[in-house]
Amino acid sequence: MPAVLRVIFWTYERGGWQYDILSALILAFIFLTPRAVLDGSAFSKAEEPPIMEQKDQTMTEPALQNFSKQS
């Protein structure tokens, strides 16, 4: 248990072999971990729904005339 606490609290002297090993492990994690793991897309099970493009909602001139006749 004391070894785990020393790793968590990073109590090793700078320049010691333990410090070098921990630094190498951190760098290996940073450079060797796929980007998909870090951004979370590797773990998402549900696909995102496609983005729906909204059509122009303005009424055309004939549609406005029909609308005004119905009112």
Protein backbone atom coordinates (compact mmCIF):
# COMPACT_ATOMS: atom_id res chain seq x y z
CA MET A 1 0.00 0.00 0.00
CA PRO A 2 2.77 2.53 0.69
CA ALA A 3 4.08 2.07 -2.87
CA VAL A 4 0.66 2.91 -4.31
CA LEU A 5 0.45 6.04 -2.16
CA ARG A 6 3.93 7.10 -3.27
CA VAL A 7 2.85 6.77 -6.92
CA ILE A 8 -0.43 8.65 -6.35
CA PHE A 9 1.23 11.49 -4.46
CA TRP A 10 4.35 11.44 -6.70
CA THR A 11 6.80 11.40 -3.81
CA TYR A 12 9.75 10.04 -5.77
CA GLU A 13 12.85 12.20 -6.09
CA ARG A 14 13.36 13.88 -9.43
CA GLY A 15 16.04 12.06 -11.40
CA GLY A 16 15.41 8.76 -9.61
CA TRP A 17 14.60 5.65 -11.60
CA GLN A 18 11.04 5.55 -10.18
CA TYR A 19 10.46 9.12 -11.36
CA ASP A 20 11.76 8.22 -14.81
CA ILE A 21 9.50 5.15 -15.03
CA LEU A 22 6.39 7.12 -14.03
CA SER A 23 7.23 9.88 -16.50
CA ALA A 24 7.72 7.33 -19.29
CA LEU A 25 4.38 5.69 -18.46
CA ILE A 26 2.57 9.02 -18.61
CA LEU A 27 4.18 9.92 -21.94
CA ALA A 28 3.41 6.46 -23.34
CA PHE A 29 -0.24 6.88 -22.35
CA ILE A 30 -0.42 10.30 -23.99
CA PHE A 31 1.23 9.33 -27.27
CA LEU A 32 0.06 5.73 -27.68
CA THR A 33 -3.61 6.04 -26.69
CA PRO A 34 -5.87 6.31 -29.75
CA ARG A 35 -7.66 9.64 -30.11
CA ALA A 36 -11.04 7.90 -30.21
CA VAL A 37 -10.53 6.68 -26.64
CA LEU A 38 -9.72 10.14 -25.33
CA ASP A 39 -12.66 11.92 -26.99
CA GLY A 40 -15.12 9.24 -25.88
CA SER A 41 -16.28 8.12 -29.33
CA ALA A 42 -14.80 4.66 -28.85
CA PHE A 43 -17.17 4.03 -25.95
CA SER A 44 -20.39 5.48 -27.35
CA LYS A 45 -22.78 2.73 -28.35
CA ALA A 46 -25.55 4.85 -29.78
CA GLU A 47 -24.96 6.60 -33.03
CA GLU A 48 -25.74 10.27 -33.14
CA PRO A 49 -28.84 11.08 -35.17
CA PRO A 50 -28.16 12.75 -38.50
CA ILE A 51 -28.54 16.49 -38.58
CA MET A 52 -31.76 17.42 -40.31
CA GLU A 53 -31.51 20.35 -42.66
CA GLN A 54 -34.34 22.77 -42.19
CA LYS A 55 -36.04 23.87 -45.33
CA ASP A 56 -36.88 27.49 -45.89
CA GLN A 57 -40.03 28.18 -43.88
CA THR A 58 -41.07 31.34 -45.74
CA MET A 59 -44.27 31.23 -47.73
CA THR A 60 -44.21 31.89 -51.43
CA GLU A 61 -46.52 34.46 -53.01
CA PRO A 62 -49.18 31.93 -54.20
CA ALA A 63 -49.18 30.27 -50.79
CA LEU A 64 -49.74 33.64 -49.14
CA GLN A 65 -52.68 34.34 -51.44
CA ASN A 66 -54.26 30.96 -50.67
CA PHE A 67 -53.69 31.53 -46.97
CA SER A 68 -55.35 34.93 -47.02
CA LYS A 69 -58.36 33.57 -48.96
CA GLN A 70 -58.91 30.86 -46.34
CA SER A 71 -58.90 33.37 -43.48
